[in-house]
PDB file of N, CA and C in Angstrom:
ATOM      1  N   UNK A   1       3.788   0.653 -12.058  1.00  0.00           N
ATOM      2  CA  UNK A   1       3.776   0.320 -10.653  1.00  0.00           C
ATOM      3  C   UNK A   1       3.259   1.508  -9.829  1.00  0.00           C
ATOM      4  N   UNK A   2       3.734   2.701 -10.165  1.00  0.00           N
ATOM      5  CA  UNK A   2       3.327   3.898  -9.439  1.00  0.00           C
ATOM      6  C   UNK A   2       1.843   4.183  -9.683  1.00  0.00           C
ATOM      7  N   UNK A   3       1.412   3.974 -10.924  1.00  0.00           N
ATOM      8  CA  UNK A   3      -0.004   4.199 -11.246  1.00  0.00           C
ATOM      9  C   UNK A   3      -0.874   3.216 -10.474  1.00  0.00           C
ATOM     10  N   UNK A   4      -0.414   1.971 -10.358  1.00  0.00           N
ATOM     11  CA  UNK A   4      -1.174   0.963  -9.602  1.00  0.00           C
ATOM     12  C   UNK A   4      -1.287   1.365  -8.136  1.00  0.00           C
ATOM     13  N   UNK A   5      -0.205   1.906  -7.564  1.00  0.00           N
ATOM     14  CA  UNK A   5      -0.253   2.363  -6.170  1.00  0.00           C
ATOM     15  C   UNK A   5      -1.232   3.520  -6.007  1.00  0.00           C
ATOM     16  N   UNK A   6      -1.249   4.421  -6.967  1.00  0.00           N
ATOM     17  CA  UNK A   6      -2.193   5.541  -6.889  1.00  0.00           C
ATOM     18  C   UNK A   6      -3.629   5.055  -7.012  1.00  0.00           C
ATOM     19  N   UNK A   7      -3.875   4.076  -7.860  1.00  0.00           N
ATOM     20  CA  UNK A   7      -5.222   3.510  -7.991  1.00  0.00           C
ATOM     21  C   UNK A   7      -5.638   2.839  -6.687  1.00  0.00           C
ATOM     22  N   UNK A   8      -4.723   2.097  -6.076  1.00  0.00           N
ATOM     23  CA  UNK A   8      -5.009   1.478  -4.777  1.00  0.00           C
ATOM     24  C   UNK A   8      -5.298   2.553  -3.738  1.00  0.00           C
ATOM     25  N   UNK A   9      -4.522   3.630  -3.762  1.00  0.00           N
ATOM     26  CA  UNK A   9      -4.734   4.738  -2.828  1.00  0.00           C
ATOM     27  C   UNK A   9      -6.101   5.376  -2.990  1.00  0.00           C
ATOM     28  N   UNK A  10      -6.509   5.610  -4.217  1.00  0.00           N
ATOM     29  CA  UNK A  10      -7.831   6.188  -4.469  1.00  0.00           C
ATOM     30  C   UNK A  10      -8.921   5.236  -4.011  1.00  0.00           C
ATOM     31  N   UNK A  11      -8.748   3.945  -4.290  1.00  0.00           N
ATOM     32  CA  UNK A  11      -9.712   2.939  -3.845  1.00  0.00           C
ATOM     33  C   UNK A  11      -9.828   2.927  -2.316  1.00  0.00           C
ATOM     34  N   UNK A  12      -8.687   2.959  -1.632  1.00  0.00           N
ATOM     35  CA  UNK A  12      -8.697   2.966  -0.167  1.00  0.00           C
ATOM     36  C   UNK A  12      -9.362   4.224   0.380  1.00  0.00           C
ATOM     37  N   UNK A  13      -9.074   5.362  -0.240  1.00  0.00           N
ATOM     38  CA  UNK A  13      -9.682   6.619   0.196  1.00  0.00           C
ATOM     39  C   UNK A  13     -11.202   6.594   0.044  1.00  0.00           C
ATOM     40  N   UNK A  14     -11.676   6.133  -1.103  1.00  0.00           N
ATOM     41  CA  UNK A  14     -13.125   6.078  -1.346  1.00  0.00           C
ATOM     42  C   UNK A  14     -13.789   5.113  -0.372  1.00  0.00           C
ATOM     43  N   UNK A  15     -13.208   3.938  -0.196  1.00  0.00           N
ATOM     44  CA  UNK A  15     -13.780   2.949   0.723  1.00  0.00           C
ATOM     45  C   UNK A  15     -13.818   3.475   2.153  1.00  0.00           C
ATOM     46  N   UNK A  16     -12.731   4.108   2.578  1.00  0.00           N
ATOM     47  CA  UNK A  16     -12.669   4.642   3.943  1.00  0.00           C
ATOM     48  C   UNK A  16     -13.679   5.764   4.141  1.00  0.00           C
ATOM     49  N   UNK A  17     -13.792   6.656   3.178  1.00  0.00           N
ATOM     50  CA  UNK A  17     -14.720   7.785   3.323  1.00  0.00           C
ATOM     51  C   UNK A  17     -16.177   7.304   3.373  1.00  0.00           C
ATOM     52  N   UNK A  18     -16.520   6.337   2.516  1.00  0.00           N
ATOM     53  CA  UNK A  18     -17.881   5.803   2.555  1.00  0.00           C
ATOM     54  C   UNK A  18     -18.200   5.173   3.907  1.00  0.00           C
ATOM     55  N   UNK A  19     -17.252   4.436   4.453  1.00  0.00           N
ATOM     56  CA  UNK A  19     -17.484   3.782   5.739  1.00  0.00           C
ATOM     57  C   UNK A  19     -17.504   4.779   6.892  1.00  0.00           C
ATOM     58  N   UNK A  20     -16.665   5.797   6.849  1.00  0.00           N
ATOM     59  CA  UNK A  20     -16.680   6.801   7.919  1.00  0.00           C
ATOM     60  C   UNK A  20     -17.965   7.629   7.876  1.00  0.00           C
ATOM     61  N   UNK A  21     -18.440   7.946   6.684  1.00  0.00           N
ATOM     62  CA  UNK A  21     -19.707   8.675   6.562  1.00  0.00           C
ATOM     63  C   UNK A  21     -20.864   7.789   7.004  1.00  0.00           C
ATOM     64  N   UNK A  22     -20.795   6.505   6.694  1.00  0.00           N
ATOM     65  CA  UNK A  22     -21.863   5.576   7.084  1.00  0.00           C
ATOM     66  C   UNK A  22     -21.998   5.466   8.597  1.00  0.00           C
ATOM     67  N   UNK A  23     -20.913   5.705   9.330  1.00  0.00           N
ATOM     68  CA  UNK A  23     -20.979   5.657  10.794  1.00  0.00           C
ATOM     69  C   UNK A  23     -21.943   6.709  11.345  1.00  0.00           C
ATOM     70  N   UNK A  24     -22.132   7.784  10.607  1.00  0.00           N
ATOM     71  CA  UNK A  24     -23.048   8.835  11.059  1.00  0.00           C
ATOM     72  C   UNK A  24     -24.508   8.431  10.876  1.00  0.00           C
ATOM     73  N   UNK A  25     -24.763   7.445  10.031  1.00  0.00           N
ATOM     74  CA  UNK A  25     -26.133   7.086   9.704  1.00  0.00           C
ATOM     75  C   UNK A  25     -26.597   5.751  10.291  1.00  0.00           C
ATOM     76  N   UNK A  26     -25.719   5.050  10.993  1.00  0.00           N
ATOM     77  CA  UNK A  26     -26.118   3.772  11.583  1.00  0.00           C
ATOM     78  C   UNK A  26     -26.150   3.902  13.103  1.00  0.00           C
ATOM     79  N   UNK A  27     -26.796   2.934  13.716  1.00  0.00           N
ATOM     80  CA  UNK A  27     -26.834   2.876  15.174  1.00  0.00           C
ATOM     81  C   UNK A  27     -25.525   2.254  15.647  1.00  0.00           C
ATOM     82  N   UNK A  28     -24.642   3.056  16.211  1.00  0.00           N
ATOM     83  CA  UNK A  28     -23.335   2.546  16.623  1.00  0.00           C
ATOM     84  C   UNK A  28     -23.429   1.598  17.811  1.00  0.00           C
ATOM     85  N   UNK A  29     -24.585   1.536  18.447  1.00  0.00           N
ATOM     86  CA  UNK A  29     -24.774   0.581  19.536  1.00  0.00           C
ATOM     87  C   UNK A  29     -24.763  -0.853  19.047  1.00  0.00           C
ATOM     88  N   UNK A  30     -25.002  -1.049  17.747  1.00  0.00           N
ATOM     89  CA  UNK A  30     -24.989  -2.395  17.174  1.00  0.00           C
ATOM     90  C   UNK A  30     -23.568  -2.888  16.927  1.00  0.00           C
ATOM     91  N   UNK A  31     -22.605  -1.982  16.936  1.00  0.00           N
ATOM     92  CA  UNK A  31     -21.216  -2.360  16.686  1.00  0.00           C
ATOM     93  C   UNK A  31     -20.560  -2.855  17.972  1.00  0.00           C
ATOM     94  N   UNK A  32     -19.670  -3.795  17.849  1.00  0.00           N
ATOM     95  CA  UNK A  32     -18.936  -4.285  19.014  1.00  0.00           C
ATOM     96  C   UNK A  32     -18.038  -3.183  19.553  1.00  0.00           C
ATOM     97  N   UNK A  33     -17.349  -2.473  18.636  1.00  0.00           N
ATOM     98  CA  UNK A  33     -16.460  -1.393  19.047  1.00  0.00           C
ATOM     99  C   UNK A  33     -16.468  -0.291  17.983  1.00  0.00           C
ATOM    100  N   UNK A  34     -17.258   0.749  18.199  1.00  0.00           N
ATOM    101  CA  UNK A  34     -17.251   1.862  17.240  1.00  0.00           C
ATOM    102  C   UNK A  34     -15.884   2.537  17.115  1.00  0.00           C
ATOM    103  N   UNK A  35     -15.124   2.551  18.196  1.00  0.00           N
ATOM    104  CA  UNK A  35     -13.791   3.150  18.154  1.00  0.00           C
ATOM    105  C   UNK A  35     -12.886   2.350  17.230  1.00  0.00           C
ATOM    106  N   UNK A  36     -12.951   1.033  17.312  1.00  0.00           N
ATOM    107  CA  UNK A  36     -12.118   0.189  16.444  1.00  0.00           C
ATOM    108  C   UNK A  36     -12.471   0.417  14.973  1.00  0.00           C
ATOM    109  N   UNK A  37     -13.750   0.562  14.676  1.00  0.00           N
ATOM    110  CA  UNK A  37     -14.171   0.809  13.296  1.00  0.00           C
ATOM    111  C   UNK A  37     -13.666   2.168  12.824  1.00  0.00           C
ATOM    112  N   UNK A  38     -13.769   3.172  13.670  1.00  0.00           N
ATOM    113  CA  UNK A  38     -13.292   4.513  13.319  1.00  0.00           C
ATOM    114  C   UNK A  38     -11.785   4.525  13.082  1.00  0.00           C
ATOM    115  N   UNK A  39     -11.037   3.865  13.957  1.00  0.00           N
ATOM    116  CA  UNK A  39      -9.584   3.796  13.806  1.00  0.00           C
ATOM    117  C   UNK A  39      -9.221   3.034  12.535  1.00  0.00           C
ATOM    118  N   UNK A  40      -9.909   1.932  12.272  1.00  0.00           N
ATOM    119  CA  UNK A  40      -9.623   1.115  11.088  1.00  0.00           C
ATOM    120  C   UNK A  40      -9.765   1.939   9.813  1.00  0.00           C
ATOM    121  N   UNK A  41     -10.873   2.637   9.671  1.00  0.00           N
ATOM    122  CA  UNK A  41     -11.100   3.371   8.430  1.00  0.00           C
ATOM    123  C   UNK A  41     -10.337   4.684   8.379  1.00  0.00           C
ATOM    124  N   UNK A  42      -9.989   5.255   9.512  1.00  0.00           N
ATOM    125  CA  UNK A  42      -9.132   6.440   9.513  1.00  0.00           C
ATOM    126  C   UNK A  42      -7.727   6.073   9.046  1.00  0.00           C
ATOM    127  N   UNK A  43      -7.208   4.950   9.521  1.00  0.00           N
ATOM    128  CA  UNK A  43      -5.900   4.486   9.064  1.00  0.00           C
ATOM    129  C   UNK A  43      -5.933   4.132   7.587  1.00  0.00           C
ATOM    130  N   UNK A  44      -7.058   3.564   7.122  1.00  0.00           N
ATOM    131  CA  UNK A  44      -7.193   3.232   5.712  1.00  0.00           C
ATOM    132  C   UNK A  44      -7.158   4.499   4.860  1.00  0.00           C
ATOM    133  N   UNK A  45      -7.841   5.556   5.322  1.00  0.00           N
ATOM    134  CA  UNK A  45      -7.830   6.828   4.590  1.00  0.00           C
ATOM    135  C   UNK A  45      -6.431   7.429   4.582  1.00  0.00           C
ATOM    136  N   UNK A  46      -5.736   7.369   5.706  1.00  0.00           N
ATOM    137  CA  UNK A  46      -4.375   7.897   5.790  1.00  0.00           C
ATOM    138  C   UNK A  46      -3.431   7.128   4.864  1.00  0.00           C
ATOM    139  N   UNK A  47      -3.564   5.806   4.832  1.00  0.00           N
ATOM    140  CA  UNK A  47      -2.749   4.992   3.925  1.00  0.00           C
ATOM    141  C   UNK A  47      -3.077   5.328   2.474  1.00  0.00           C
ATOM    142  N   UNK A  48      -4.342   5.556   2.172  1.00  0.00           N
ATOM    143  CA  UNK A  48      -4.731   5.936   0.816  1.00  0.00           C
ATOM    144  C   UNK A  48      -4.096   7.246   0.388  1.00  0.00           C
ATOM    145  N   UNK A  49      -4.064   8.215   1.293  1.00  0.00           N
ATOM    146  CA  UNK A  49      -3.412   9.495   0.997  1.00  0.00           C
ATOM    147  C   UNK A  49      -1.918   9.269   0.746  1.00  0.00           C
ATOM    148  N   UNK A  50      -1.296   8.431   1.552  1.00  0.00           N
ATOM    149  CA  UNK A  50       0.127   8.124   1.357  1.00  0.00           C
ATOM    150  C   UNK A  50       0.395   7.442   0.034  1.00  0.00           C
ATOM    151  N   UNK A  51      -0.493   6.545  -0.393  1.00  0.00           N
ATOM    152  CA  UNK A  51      -0.321   5.877  -1.681  1.00  0.00           C
ATOM    153  C   UNK A  51      -0.509   6.847  -2.834  1.00  0.00           C
ATOM    154  N   UNK A  52      -1.486   7.738  -2.726  1.00  0.00           N
ATOM    155  CA  UNK A  52      -1.707   8.717  -3.791  1.00  0.00           C
ATOM    156  C   UNK A  52      -0.503   9.645  -3.922  1.00  0.00           C
ATOM    157  N   UNK A  53       0.103  10.009  -2.795  1.00  0.00           N
ATOM    158  CA  UNK A  53       1.278  10.882  -2.804  1.00  0.00           C
ATOM    159  C   UNK A  53       2.582  10.113  -3.052  1.00  0.00           C
ATOM    160  N   UNK A  54       2.503   8.788  -3.176  1.00  0.00           N
ATOM    161  CA  UNK A  54       3.648   7.910  -3.400  1.00  0.00           C
ATOM    162  C   UNK A  54       4.701   8.089  -2.300  1.00  0.00           C
ATOM    163  N   UNK A  55       4.282   7.900  -1.067  1.00  0.00           N
ATOM    164  CA  UNK A  55       5.164   8.054   0.092  1.00  0.00           C
ATOM    165  C   UNK A  55       5.346   6.710   0.805  1.00  0.00           C
ATOM    166  N   UNK A  56       6.515   6.540   1.394  1.00  0.00           N
ATOM    167  CA  UNK A  56       6.779   5.302   2.142  1.00  0.00           C
ATOM    168  C   UNK A  56       5.918   5.220   3.386  1.00  0.00           C
ATOM    169  N   UNK A  57       5.600   6.363   4.001  1.00  0.00           N
ATOM    170  CA  UNK A  57       4.781   6.318   5.205  1.00  0.00           C
ATOM    171  C   UNK A  57       3.384   5.786   4.895  1.00  0.00           C
ATOM    172  N   UNK A  58       2.902   5.942   3.673  1.00  0.00           N
ATOM    173  CA  UNK A  58       1.603   5.378   3.298  1.00  0.00           C
ATOM    174  C   UNK A  58       1.641   3.856   3.344  1.00  0.00           C
ATOM    175  N   UNK A  59       2.736   3.298   2.849  1.00  0.00           N
ATOM    176  CA  UNK A  59       2.889   1.843   2.887  1.00  0.00           C
ATOM    177  C   UNK A  59       3.021   1.346   4.322  1.00  0.00           C
ATOM    178  N   UNK A  60       3.747   2.080   5.144  1.00  0.00           N
ATOM    179  CA  UNK A  60       3.923   1.682   6.540  1.00  0.00           C
ATOM    180  C   UNK A  60       2.587   1.758   7.274  1.00  0.00           C
ATOM    181  N   UNK A  61       1.823   2.826   7.044  1.00  0.00           N
ATOM    182  CA  UNK A  61       0.505   2.946   7.680  1.00  0.00           C
ATOM    183  C   UNK A  61      -0.404   1.807   7.228  1.00  0.00           C
ATOM    184  N   UNK A  62      -0.339   1.446   5.942  1.00  0.00           N
ATOM    185  CA  UNK A  62      -1.168   0.339   5.449  1.00  0.00           C
ATOM    186  C   UNK A  62      -0.798  -0.969   6.147  1.00  0.00           C
ATOM    187  N   UNK A  63       0.495  -1.243   6.266  1.00  0.00           N
ATOM    188  CA  UNK A  63       0.929  -2.496   6.898  1.00  0.00           C
ATOM    189  C   UNK A  63       0.566  -2.521   8.383  1.00  0.00           C
ATOM    190  N   UNK A  64       0.703  -1.395   9.057  1.00  0.00           N
ATOM    191  CA  UNK A  64       0.303  -1.306  10.465  1.00  0.00           C
ATOM    192  C   UNK A  64      -1.212  -1.504  10.585  1.00  0.00           C
ATOM    193  N   UNK A  65      -1.961  -0.873   9.694  1.00  0.00           N
ATOM    194  CA  UNK A  65      -3.421  -1.002   9.699  1.00  0.00           C
ATOM    195  C   UNK A  65      -3.844  -2.450   9.458  1.00  0.00           C
ATOM    196  N   UNK A  66      -3.178  -3.093   8.515  1.00  0.00           N
ATOM    197  CA  UNK A  66      -3.485  -4.496   8.223  1.00  0.00           C
ATOM    198  C   UNK A  66      -3.222  -5.378   9.439  1.00  0.00           C
ATOM    199  N   UNK A  67      -2.124  -5.117  10.117  1.00  0.00           N
ATOM    200  CA  UNK A  67      -1.798  -5.875  11.328  1.00  0.00           C
ATOM    201  C   UNK A  67      -2.836  -5.632  12.422  1.00  0.00           C
ATOM    202  N   UNK A  68      -3.205  -4.373  12.621  1.00  0.00           N
ATOM    203  CA  UNK A  68      -4.215  -4.047  13.634  1.00  0.00           C
ATOM    204  C   UNK A  68      -5.547  -4.719  13.300  1.00  0.00           C
ATOM    205  N   UNK A  69      -5.920  -4.725  12.017  1.00  0.00           N
ATOM    206  CA  UNK A  69      -7.184  -5.345  11.613  1.00  0.00           C
ATOM    207  C   UNK A  69      -7.211  -6.831  11.939  1.00  0.00           C
ATOM    208  N   UNK A  70      -6.128  -7.539  11.608  1.00  0.00           N
ATOM    209  CA  UNK A  70      -6.107  -8.979  11.873  1.00  0.00           C
ATOM    210  C   UNK A  70      -6.040  -9.289  13.371  1.00  0.00           C
ATOM    211  N   UNK A  71      -5.274  -8.493  14.108  1.00  0.00           N
ATOM    212  CA  UNK A  71      -5.196  -8.709  15.555  1.00  0.00           C
ATOM    213  C   UNK A  71      -6.548  -8.430  16.204  1.00  0.00           C
ATOM    214  N   UNK A  72      -7.193  -7.342  15.796  1.00  0.00           N
ATOM    215  CA  UNK A  72      -8.507  -7.029  16.391  1.00  0.00           C
ATOM    216  C   UNK A  72      -9.557  -8.037  15.967  1.00  0.00           C
ATOM    217  N   UNK A  73      -9.425  -8.599  14.778  1.00  0.00           N
ATOM    218  CA  UNK A  73     -10.393  -9.612  14.341  1.00  0.00           C
ATOM    219  C   UNK A  73     -10.365 -10.818  15.276  1.00  0.00           C
ATOM    220  N   UNK A  74      -9.174 -11.223  15.681  1.00  0.00           N
ATOM    221  CA  UNK A  74      -9.074 -12.401  16.544  1.00  0.00           C
ATOM    222  C   UNK A  74      -9.209 -12.088  18.029  1.00  0.00           C
ATOM    223  N   UNK A  75      -8.892 -10.868  18.453  1.00  0.00           N
ATOM    224  CA  UNK A  75      -8.982 -10.552  19.875  1.00  0.00           C
ATOM    225  C   UNK A  75     -10.294  -9.863  20.220  1.00  0.00           C
ATOM    226  N   UNK A  76     -10.592  -8.775  19.550  1.00  0.00           N
ATOM    227  CA  UNK A  76     -11.786  -8.001  19.860  1.00  0.00           C
ATOM    228  C   UNK A  76     -13.057  -8.708  19.389  1.00  0.00           C
ATOM    229  N   UNK A  77     -13.031  -9.208  18.159  1.00  0.00           N
ATOM    230  CA  UNK A  77     -14.218  -9.842  17.590  1.00  0.00           C
ATOM    231  C   UNK A  77     -14.230 -11.349  17.769  1.00  0.00           C
ATOM    232  N   UNK A  78     -13.158 -11.899  18.331  1.00  0.00           N
ATOM    233  CA  UNK A  78     -13.021 -13.327  18.626  1.00  0.00           C
ATOM    234  C   UNK A  78     -13.198 -14.203  17.391  1.00  0.00           C
ATOM    235  N   UNK A  79     -12.769 -13.716  16.248  1.00  0.00           N
ATOM    236  CA  UNK A  79     -12.818 -14.503  15.020  1.00  0.00           C
ATOM    237  C   UNK A  79     -14.205 -14.660  14.445  1.00  0.00           C
ATOM    238  N   UNK A  80     -15.154 -13.885  14.904  1.00  0.00           N
ATOM    239  CA  UNK A  80     -16.532 -14.002  14.416  1.00  0.00           C
ATOM    240  C   UNK A  80     -16.949 -12.711  13.738  1.00  0.00           C
ATOM    241  N   UNK A  81     -17.992 -12.792  12.979  1.00  0.00           N
ATOM    242  CA  UNK A  81     -18.563 -11.603  12.370  1.00  0.00           C
ATOM    243  C   UNK A  81     -18.041 -11.305  10.985  1.00  0.00           C
ATOM    244  N   UNK A  82     -17.331 -12.224  10.366  1.00  0.00           N
ATOM    245  CA  UNK A  82     -16.849 -12.012   9.021  1.00  0.00           C
ATOM    246  C   UNK A  82     -18.020 -12.069   8.045  1.00  0.00           C
ATOM    247  N   UNK A  83     -18.021 -11.168   7.072  1.00  0.00           N
ATOM    248  CA  UNK A  83     -19.105 -11.140   6.094  1.00  0.00           C
ATOM    249  C   UNK A  83     -18.977 -12.262   5.079  1.00  0.00           C
ATOM    250  N   UNK A  84     -17.851 -12.854   4.981  1.00  0.00           N
ATOM    251  CA  UNK A  84     -17.615 -13.938   4.042  1.00  0.00           C
ATOM    252  C   UNK A  84     -16.486 -14.805   4.544  1.00  0.00           C
ATOM    253  N   UNK A  85     -16.136 -15.823   3.770  1.00  0.00           N
ATOM    254  CA  UNK A  85     -15.018 -16.678   4.182  1.00  0.00           C
ATOM    255  C   UNK A  85     -13.711 -15.893   4.238  1.00  0.00           C
ATOM    256  N   UNK A  86     -12.884 -16.204   5.199  1.00  0.00           N
ATOM    257  CA  UNK A  86     -11.633 -15.467   5.375  1.00  0.00           C
ATOM    258  C   UNK A  86     -10.681 -15.628   4.197  1.00  0.00           C
ATOM    259  N   UNK A  87     -10.761 -16.748   3.482  1.00  0.00           N
ATOM    260  CA  UNK A  87      -9.846 -16.923   2.367  1.00  0.00           C
ATOM    261  C   UNK A  87     -10.114 -15.905   1.265  1.00  0.00           C
ATOM    262  N   UNK A  88     -11.288 -15.300   1.259  1.00  0.00           N
ATOM    263  CA  UNK A  88     -11.577 -14.242   0.296  1.00  0.00           C
ATOM    264  C   UNK A  88     -10.973 -12.908   0.733  1.00  0.00           C
ATOM    265  N   UNK A  89     -10.695 -12.765   2.013  1.00  0.00           N
ATOM    266  CA  UNK A  89     -10.140 -11.515   2.542  1.00  0.00           C
ATOM    267  C   UNK A  89      -8.617 -11.494   2.497  1.00  0.00           C
ATOM    268  N   UNK A  90      -7.994 -12.549   2.048  1.00  0.00           N
ATOM    269  CA  UNK A  90      -6.536 -12.618   2.044  1.00  0.00           C
ATOM    270  C   UNK A  90      -5.903 -12.186   0.714  1.00  0.00           C
ATOM    271  N   UNK A  91      -6.452 -12.533  -0.456  1.00  0.00           N
ATOM    272  CA  UNK A  91      -5.749 -12.198  -1.713  1.00  0.00           C
ATOM    273  C   UNK A  91      -5.554 -10.708  -1.979  1.00  0.00           C
ATOM    274  N   UNK A  92      -6.527  -9.870  -1.713  1.00  0.00           N
ATOM    275  CA  UNK A  92      -6.385  -8.443  -1.993  1.00  0.00           C
ATOM    276  C   UNK A  92      -5.313  -7.787  -1.120  1.00  0.00           C
ATOM    277  N   UNK A  93      -5.335  -7.959   0.208  1.00  0.00           N
ATOM    278  CA  UNK A  93      -4.245  -7.386   1.010  1.00  0.00           C
ATOM    279  C   UNK A  93      -2.877  -7.981   0.660  1.00  0.00           C
ATOM    280  N   UNK A  94      -2.852  -9.258   0.327  1.00  0.00           N
ATOM    281  CA  UNK A  94      -1.592  -9.886  -0.072  1.00  0.00           C
ATOM    282  C   UNK A  94      -1.083  -9.270  -1.375  1.00  0.00           C
ATOM    283  N   UNK A  95      -1.992  -9.019  -2.314  1.00  0.00           N
ATOM    284  CA  UNK A  95      -1.607  -8.367  -3.572  1.00  0.00           C
ATOM    285  C   UNK A  95      -1.075  -6.967  -3.341  1.00  0.00           C
ATOM    286  N   UNK A  96      -1.693  -6.229  -2.421  1.00  0.00           N
ATOM    287  CA  UNK A  96      -1.218  -4.883  -2.111  1.00  0.00           C
ATOM    288  C   UNK A  96       0.156  -4.952  -1.446  1.00  0.00           C
ATOM    289  N   UNK A  97       0.368  -5.925  -0.574  1.00  0.00           N
ATOM    290  CA  UNK A  97       1.681  -6.092   0.066  1.00  0.00           C
ATOM    291  C   UNK A  97       2.754  -6.426  -0.975  1.00  0.00           C
ATOM    292  N   UNK A  98       2.421  -7.252  -1.956  1.00  0.00           N
ATOM    293  CA  UNK A  98       3.372  -7.572  -3.027  1.00  0.00           C
ATOM    294  C   UNK A  98       3.669  -6.323  -3.855  1.00  0.00           C
ATOM    295  N   UNK A  99       2.642  -5.527  -4.138  1.00  0.00           N
ATOM    296  CA  UNK A  99       2.829  -4.276  -4.868  1.00  0.00           C
ATOM    297  C   UNK A  99       3.737  -3.320  -4.096  1.00  0.00           C
ATOM    298  N   UNK A 100       3.531  -3.244  -2.794  1.00  0.00           N
ATOM    299  CA  UNK A 100       4.383  -2.396  -1.948  1.00  0.00           C
ATOM    300  C   UNK A 100       5.834  -2.875  -2.008  1.00  0.00           C
ATOM    301  N   UNK A 101       6.021  -4.188  -1.959  1.00  0.00           N
ATOM    302  CA  UNK A 101       7.372  -4.748  -1.988  1.00  0.00           C
ATOM    303  C   UNK A 101       8.113  -4.348  -3.266  1.00  0.00           C
ATOM    304  N   UNK A 102       7.439  -4.497  -4.411  1.00  0.00           N
ATOM    305  CA  UNK A 102       8.092  -4.189  -5.681  1.00  0.00           C
ATOM    306  C   UNK A 102       8.222  -2.690  -5.934  1.00  0.00           C
ATOM    307  N   UNK A 103       7.381  -1.874  -5.332  1.00  0.00           N
ATOM    308  CA  UNK A 103       7.429  -0.430  -5.546  1.00  0.00           C
ATOM    309  C   UNK A 103       8.209   0.310  -4.466  1.00  0.00           C
ATOM    310  N   UNK A 104       8.716  -0.392  -3.471  1.00  0.00           N
ATOM    311  CA  UNK A 104       9.351   0.263  -2.319  1.00  0.00           C
ATOM    312  C   UNK A 104      10.479   1.198  -2.746  1.00  0.00           C
ATOM    313  N   UNK A 105      11.285   0.813  -3.691  1.00  0.00           N
ATOM    314  CA  UNK A 105      12.406   1.640  -4.131  1.00  0.00           C
ATOM    315  C   UNK A 105      11.966   2.920  -4.827  1.00  0.00           C
ATOM    316  N   UNK A 106      10.763   2.932  -5.353  1.00  0.00           N
ATOM    317  CA  UNK A 106      10.260   4.122  -6.062  1.00  0.00           C
ATOM    318  C   UNK A 106       9.473   5.058  -5.163  1.00  0.00           C
ATOM    319  N   UNK A 107       9.196   4.623  -3.945  1.00  0.00           N
ATOM    320  CA  UNK A 107       8.456   5.478  -3.019  1.00  0.00           C
ATOM    321  C   UNK A 107       9.393   6.529  -2.448  1.00  0.00           C
ATOM    322  N   UNK A 108       8.844   7.710  -2.192  1.00  0.00           N
ATOM    323  CA  UNK A 108       9.664   8.807  -1.641  1.00  0.00           C
ATOM    324  C   UNK A 108       9.576   8.813  -0.132  1.00  0.00           C
TER     325      UNK A 108
END
């Protein structure tokens, strides 16, 4: 369980770093909200660090980030702009939430 959390943390860190670096190379005028994108991936990187260190605050940051992402998707982006069907975006975060639930007692 702990190894799975660390793997998720490394995955989140790599994904966040690639996206934050990509912000330097794209025209941010094409984005609806560059600040929202920066906050989203910064929180993802912070949650990844928390998962790698096996800390409860990493799980809390991930859950807060997930909530912010879904709220901003429906308010800021008005439910548009998804790269794929939304049902594909639900299983992975749900799996991570289930992993957090079962590993909560082992987190420091």
